[in-house]
Amino acid sequence: MNNLALVLNDSDKAESRTLHEQTLAPYAQGEGAEYPNTLTSMSNLATVLNDLGNGEASLPCRSRRSELRRKTLGEAYPDTLASRKPAIVLLDIGELAAARTLPQADTGIVT
């Protein structure tokens, strides 16, 4: 179902969102929040939410995924570094002040 949701992301983002939400719940309940498929599903849902113009709704998914990546893989793991996108979403929606409140390592913003 996740693959179908990814394909639909190009043509029907609303349906893609629905499928991503339906995919995430069973992963989180069955395999656990820290399982790689669950983390990927969180990322996919956050991406489609952002693509639909709802960057604020994508922040909890991105933040949770980033937190779980740090916990399971460590700070220096490439996937952990790649998951540090909450600041990018905040900047996309014009929330510079909120982006500045994130740990500096997560933002790349020099204060």
N, C-alpha and C. Protein backbone atom coordinates (compact mmCIF):
# COMPACT_ATOMS: atom_id res chain seq x y z
N MET A 1 0.83 -1.19 0.00
CA MET A 1 0.00 0.00 0.00
C MET A 1 0.87 1.25 0.00
N ASN A 2 2.01 1.18 0.68
CA ASN A 2 2.92 2.32 0.71
C ASN A 2 3.42 2.66 -0.69
N ASN A 3 3.71 1.64 -1.49
CA ASN A 3 4.19 1.89 -2.85
C ASN A 3 3.11 2.56 -3.70
N LEU A 4 1.87 2.13 -3.56
CA LEU A 4 0.77 2.76 -4.29
C LEU A 4 0.63 4.22 -3.86
N ALA A 5 0.76 4.47 -2.58
CA ALA A 5 0.67 5.86 -2.08
C ALA A 5 1.77 6.71 -2.68
N LEU A 6 2.96 6.16 -2.84
CA LEU A 6 4.06 6.91 -3.44
C LEU A 6 3.78 7.22 -4.90
N VAL A 7 3.22 6.27 -5.62
CA VAL A 7 2.87 6.50 -7.03
C VAL A 7 1.79 7.58 -7.14
N LEU A 8 0.80 7.51 -6.26
CA LEU A 8 -0.29 8.48 -6.29
C LEU A 8 0.16 9.88 -5.89
N ASN A 9 1.28 9.98 -5.21
CA ASN A 9 1.76 11.30 -4.78
C ASN A 9 1.94 12.24 -5.97
N ASP A 10 2.23 11.69 -7.13
CA ASP A 10 2.40 12.53 -8.32
C ASP A 10 1.08 12.94 -8.96
N SER A 11 0.04 12.14 -8.79
CA SER A 11 -1.20 12.43 -9.50
C SER A 11 -2.39 12.79 -8.60
N ASP A 12 -2.45 12.23 -7.41
CA ASP A 12 -3.58 12.46 -6.51
C ASP A 12 -3.08 12.52 -5.08
N LYS A 13 -2.62 13.70 -4.69
CA LYS A 13 -1.98 13.85 -3.38
C LYS A 13 -2.95 13.58 -2.22
N ALA A 14 -4.22 13.92 -2.39
CA ALA A 14 -5.19 13.68 -1.32
C ALA A 14 -5.35 12.17 -1.08
N GLU A 15 -5.45 11.40 -2.14
CA GLU A 15 -5.55 9.94 -2.00
C GLU A 15 -4.24 9.37 -1.46
N SER A 16 -3.13 9.94 -1.90
CA SER A 16 -1.83 9.51 -1.40
C SER A 16 -1.76 9.72 0.11
N ARG A 17 -2.24 10.86 0.58
CA ARG A 17 -2.24 11.13 2.02
C ARG A 17 -3.04 10.07 2.76
N THR A 18 -4.23 9.77 2.26
CA THR A 18 -5.08 8.76 2.90
C THR A 18 -4.37 7.41 2.99
N LEU A 19 -3.75 7.00 1.90
CA LEU A 19 -3.05 5.72 1.91
C LEU A 19 -1.84 5.74 2.85
N HIS A 20 -1.12 6.86 2.89
CA HIS A 20 0.02 6.95 3.82
C HIS A 20 -0.46 6.85 5.26
N GLU A 21 -1.58 7.51 5.57
CA GLU A 21 -2.12 7.42 6.93
C GLU A 21 -2.55 6.00 7.26
N GLN A 22 -3.16 5.31 6.29
CA GLN A 22 -3.59 3.93 6.51
C GLN A 22 -2.41 2.98 6.64
N THR A 23 -1.30 3.32 6.00
CA THR A 23 -0.10 2.49 6.07
C THR A 23 0.63 2.68 7.40
N LEU A 24 0.69 3.91 7.87
CA LEU A 24 1.45 4.22 9.07
C LEU A 24 0.89 3.53 10.32
N ALA A 25 -0.41 3.55 10.49
CA ALA A 25 -1.01 3.00 11.71
C ALA A 25 -0.65 1.53 11.95
N PRO A 26 -0.83 0.65 10.95
CA PRO A 26 -0.45 -0.75 11.21
C PRO A 26 1.04 -0.96 11.46
N TYR A 27 1.89 -0.21 10.76
CA TYR A 27 3.32 -0.32 11.02
C TYR A 27 3.62 0.03 12.47
N ALA A 28 3.10 1.17 12.91
CA ALA A 28 3.39 1.64 14.27
C ALA A 28 2.87 0.66 15.32
N GLN A 29 1.68 0.11 15.08
CA GLN A 29 1.08 -0.81 16.05
C GLN A 29 1.72 -2.19 16.00
N GLY A 30 2.01 -2.68 14.80
CA GLY A 30 2.52 -4.04 14.66
C GLY A 30 4.01 -4.15 14.84
N GLU A 31 4.76 -3.30 14.17
CA GLU A 31 6.22 -3.41 14.19
C GLU A 31 6.86 -2.49 15.22
N GLY A 32 6.15 -1.45 15.61
CA GLY A 32 6.67 -0.51 16.58
C GLY A 32 7.12 0.78 15.92
N ALA A 33 7.16 1.82 16.71
CA ALA A 33 7.48 3.15 16.21
C ALA A 33 8.90 3.26 15.67
N GLU A 34 9.81 2.46 16.19
CA GLU A 34 11.22 2.59 15.81
C GLU A 34 11.61 1.71 14.62
N TYR A 35 10.70 0.93 14.12
CA TYR A 35 10.99 0.03 13.00
C TYR A 35 11.20 0.85 11.72
N PRO A 36 12.18 0.48 10.89
CA PRO A 36 12.48 1.27 9.69
C PRO A 36 11.27 1.54 8.79
N ASN A 37 10.38 0.56 8.60
CA ASN A 37 9.20 0.80 7.76
C ASN A 37 8.30 1.86 8.36
N THR A 38 8.18 1.88 9.68
CA THR A 38 7.37 2.88 10.35
C THR A 38 7.97 4.27 10.14
N LEU A 39 9.28 4.38 10.30
CA LEU A 39 9.95 5.66 10.12
C LEU A 39 9.84 6.16 8.69
N THR A 40 9.95 5.25 7.72
CA THR A 40 9.80 5.63 6.32
C THR A 40 8.37 6.09 6.05
N SER A 41 7.41 5.38 6.62
CA SER A 41 6.02 5.76 6.44
C SER A 41 5.73 7.13 7.04
N MET A 42 6.32 7.43 8.20
CA MET A 42 6.18 8.76 8.80
C MET A 42 6.72 9.83 7.87
N SER A 43 7.87 9.57 7.30
CA SER A 43 8.50 10.52 6.39
C SER A 43 7.65 10.74 5.14
N ASN A 44 7.11 9.65 4.59
CA ASN A 44 6.28 9.77 3.41
C ASN A 44 5.01 10.58 3.68
N LEU A 45 4.39 10.35 4.83
CA LEU A 45 3.20 11.12 5.19
C LEU A 45 3.55 12.59 5.37
N ALA A 46 4.65 12.87 6.03
CA ALA A 46 5.07 14.26 6.21
C ALA A 46 5.31 14.95 4.88
N THR A 47 5.91 14.24 3.94
CA THR A 47 6.19 14.81 2.63
C THR A 47 4.91 15.16 1.89
N VAL A 48 3.95 14.24 1.88
CA VAL A 48 2.70 14.52 1.16
C VAL A 48 1.91 15.62 1.85
N LEU A 49 1.94 15.68 3.18
CA LEU A 49 1.28 16.79 3.87
C LEU A 49 1.88 18.13 3.46
N ASN A 50 3.20 18.17 3.41
CA ASN A 50 3.89 19.38 2.99
C ASN A 50 3.55 19.72 1.54
N ASP A 51 3.52 18.70 0.68
CA ASP A 51 3.17 18.91 -0.73
C ASP A 51 1.75 19.44 -0.90
N LEU A 52 0.86 19.08 0.02
CA LEU A 52 -0.51 19.56 -0.02
C LEU A 52 -0.64 20.97 0.54
N GLY A 53 0.49 21.56 0.92
CA GLY A 53 0.47 22.92 1.46
C GLY A 53 0.19 22.97 2.95
N ASN A 54 0.31 21.85 3.62
CA ASN A 54 0.03 21.78 5.05
C ASN A 54 1.31 21.45 5.81
N GLY A 55 2.30 22.33 5.66
CA GLY A 55 3.58 22.12 6.31
C GLY A 55 3.48 22.00 7.82
N GLU A 56 2.54 22.76 8.41
CA GLU A 56 2.39 22.70 9.87
C GLU A 56 1.96 21.32 10.32
N ALA A 57 1.10 20.65 9.56
CA ALA A 57 0.65 19.30 9.92
C ALA A 57 1.77 18.28 9.76
N SER A 58 2.74 18.59 8.90
CA SER A 58 3.84 17.65 8.68
C SER A 58 4.89 17.70 9.80
N LEU A 59 4.90 18.78 10.55
CA LEU A 59 5.93 18.94 11.59
C LEU A 59 5.94 17.84 12.65
N PRO A 60 4.78 17.43 13.19
CA PRO A 60 4.84 16.35 14.19
C PRO A 60 5.43 15.06 13.64
N CYS A 61 5.09 14.71 12.39
CA CYS A 61 5.66 13.50 11.78
C CYS A 61 7.17 13.63 11.63
N ARG A 62 7.61 14.77 11.13
CA ARG A 62 9.04 14.98 10.92
C ARG A 62 9.80 15.00 12.24
N SER A 63 9.24 15.68 13.23
CA SER A 63 9.91 15.78 14.53
C SER A 63 10.01 14.42 15.20
N ARG A 64 8.92 13.66 15.18
CA ARG A 64 8.92 12.34 15.80
C ARG A 64 9.89 11.40 15.10
N ARG A 65 9.91 11.46 13.76
CA ARG A 65 10.82 10.61 13.00
C ARG A 65 12.27 10.97 13.34
N SER A 66 12.56 12.26 13.39
CA SER A 66 13.92 12.70 13.70
C SER A 66 14.33 12.22 15.10
N GLU A 67 13.43 12.34 16.04
CA GLU A 67 13.70 11.90 17.42
C GLU A 67 13.96 10.39 17.47
N LEU A 68 13.14 9.62 16.76
CA LEU A 68 13.31 8.16 16.76
C LEU A 68 14.57 7.74 16.02
N ARG A 69 14.93 8.45 14.96
CA ARG A 69 16.17 8.15 14.24
C ARG A 69 17.37 8.36 15.16
N ARG A 70 17.38 9.46 15.88
CA ARG A 70 18.48 9.73 16.81
C ARG A 70 18.58 8.61 17.85
N LYS A 71 17.43 8.22 18.39
CA LYS A 71 17.39 7.20 19.44
C LYS A 71 17.88 5.85 18.93
N THR A 72 17.44 5.44 17.75
CA THR A 72 17.75 4.10 17.27
C THR A 72 19.06 4.01 16.50
N LEU A 73 19.44 5.07 15.79
CA LEU A 73 20.62 4.99 14.92
C LEU A 73 21.81 5.81 15.41
N GLY A 74 21.55 6.77 16.29
CA GLY A 74 22.63 7.63 16.77
C GLY A 74 22.71 8.93 15.98
N GLU A 75 23.39 9.90 16.54
CA GLU A 75 23.48 11.24 15.97
C GLU A 75 24.17 11.31 14.62
N ALA A 76 25.22 10.52 14.43
CA ALA A 76 26.06 10.67 13.24
C ALA A 76 25.63 9.79 12.06
N TYR A 77 24.63 8.96 12.24
CA TYR A 77 24.19 8.06 11.17
C TYR A 77 23.58 8.88 10.02
N PRO A 78 23.89 8.57 8.78
CA PRO A 78 23.39 9.37 7.65
C PRO A 78 21.87 9.56 7.63
N ASP A 79 21.10 8.52 7.96
CA ASP A 79 19.65 8.66 7.98
C ASP A 79 19.18 9.61 9.08
N THR A 80 19.90 9.66 10.17
CA THR A 80 19.58 10.60 11.23
C THR A 80 19.80 12.02 10.74
N LEU A 81 20.94 12.24 10.11
CA LEU A 81 21.24 13.57 9.59
C LEU A 81 20.22 13.99 8.54
N ALA A 82 19.81 13.06 7.69
CA ALA A 82 18.84 13.37 6.63
C ALA A 82 17.45 13.64 7.19
N SER A 83 17.16 13.15 8.39
CA SER A 83 15.82 13.33 8.94
C SER A 83 15.63 14.67 9.64
N ARG A 84 16.63 15.48 9.65
CA ARG A 84 16.57 16.77 10.36
C ARG A 84 15.92 17.83 9.48
N LYS A 85 14.64 17.64 9.20
CA LYS A 85 13.95 18.55 8.30
C LYS A 85 12.89 19.43 8.94
N PRO A 86 12.57 19.30 10.21
CA PRO A 86 11.56 20.20 10.77
C PRO A 86 11.89 21.67 10.55
N ALA A 87 13.14 22.02 10.65
CA ALA A 87 13.53 23.41 10.44
C ALA A 87 13.26 23.85 9.00
N ILE A 88 13.46 22.97 8.05
CA ILE A 88 13.20 23.31 6.65
C ILE A 88 11.72 23.58 6.45
N VAL A 89 10.86 22.75 7.04
CA VAL A 89 9.42 22.97 6.91
C VAL A 89 9.03 24.28 7.56
N LEU A 90 9.57 24.55 8.75
CA LEU A 90 9.27 25.82 9.42
C LEU A 90 9.67 27.01 8.56
N LEU A 91 10.83 26.91 7.94
CA LEU A 91 11.27 28.00 7.07
C LEU A 91 10.37 28.13 5.85
N ASP A 92 9.91 27.00 5.31
CA ASP A 92 9.02 27.01 4.15
C ASP A 92 7.71 27.73 4.44
N ILE A 93 7.23 27.62 5.68
CA ILE A 93 5.96 28.26 6.02
C ILE A 93 6.17 29.62 6.69
N GLY A 94 7.40 30.12 6.62
CA GLY A 94 7.69 31.46 7.10
C GLY A 94 7.86 31.59 8.59
N GLU A 95 8.19 30.51 9.28
CA GLU A 95 8.34 30.51 10.73
C GLU A 95 9.80 30.52 11.15
N LEU A 96 10.52 31.56 10.80
CA LEU A 96 11.93 31.66 11.12
C LEU A 96 12.15 31.62 12.63
N ALA A 97 11.32 32.33 13.39
CA ALA A 97 11.48 32.35 14.85
C ALA A 97 11.34 30.95 15.44
N ALA A 98 10.37 30.19 14.96
CA ALA A 98 10.18 28.82 15.46
C ALA A 98 11.35 27.93 15.05
N ALA A 99 11.86 28.12 13.84
CA ALA A 99 13.01 27.33 13.38
C ALA A 99 14.22 27.61 14.25
N ARG A 100 14.35 28.84 14.70
CA ARG A 100 15.49 29.21 15.54
C ARG A 100 15.42 28.56 16.92
N THR A 101 14.25 28.10 17.35
CA THR A 101 14.13 27.48 18.67
C THR A 101 14.57 26.02 18.66
N LEU A 102 14.73 25.42 17.48
CA LEU A 102 15.20 24.04 17.39
C LEU A 102 16.69 23.99 17.72
N PRO A 103 17.17 22.85 18.18
CA PRO A 103 18.62 22.75 18.43
C PRO A 103 19.41 23.15 17.18
N GLN A 104 20.45 23.93 17.36
CA GLN A 104 21.21 24.46 16.23
C GLN A 104 21.73 23.36 15.31
N ALA A 105 22.07 22.21 15.87
CA ALA A 105 22.55 21.10 15.04
C ALA A 105 21.49 20.64 14.06
N ASP A 106 20.22 20.87 14.36
CA ASP A 106 19.12 20.44 13.50
C ASP A 106 18.76 21.47 12.43
N THR A 107 19.25 22.67 12.55
CA THR A 107 18.77 23.73 11.67
C THR A 107 19.77 24.21 10.65
N GLY A 108 21.02 24.27 11.03
CA GLY A 108 22.00 24.90 10.14
C GLY A 108 21.91 26.41 10.19
N ILE A 109 21.06 26.94 11.06
CA ILE A 109 20.88 28.38 11.18
C ILE A 109 21.85 28.92 12.21
N VAL A 110 22.59 29.92 11.83
CA VAL A 110 23.51 30.55 12.76
C VAL A 110 22.81 31.72 13.41
N THR A 111 22.78 31.73 14.75
CA THR A 111 22.09 32.83 15.45
C THR A 111 23.08 33.85 15.93
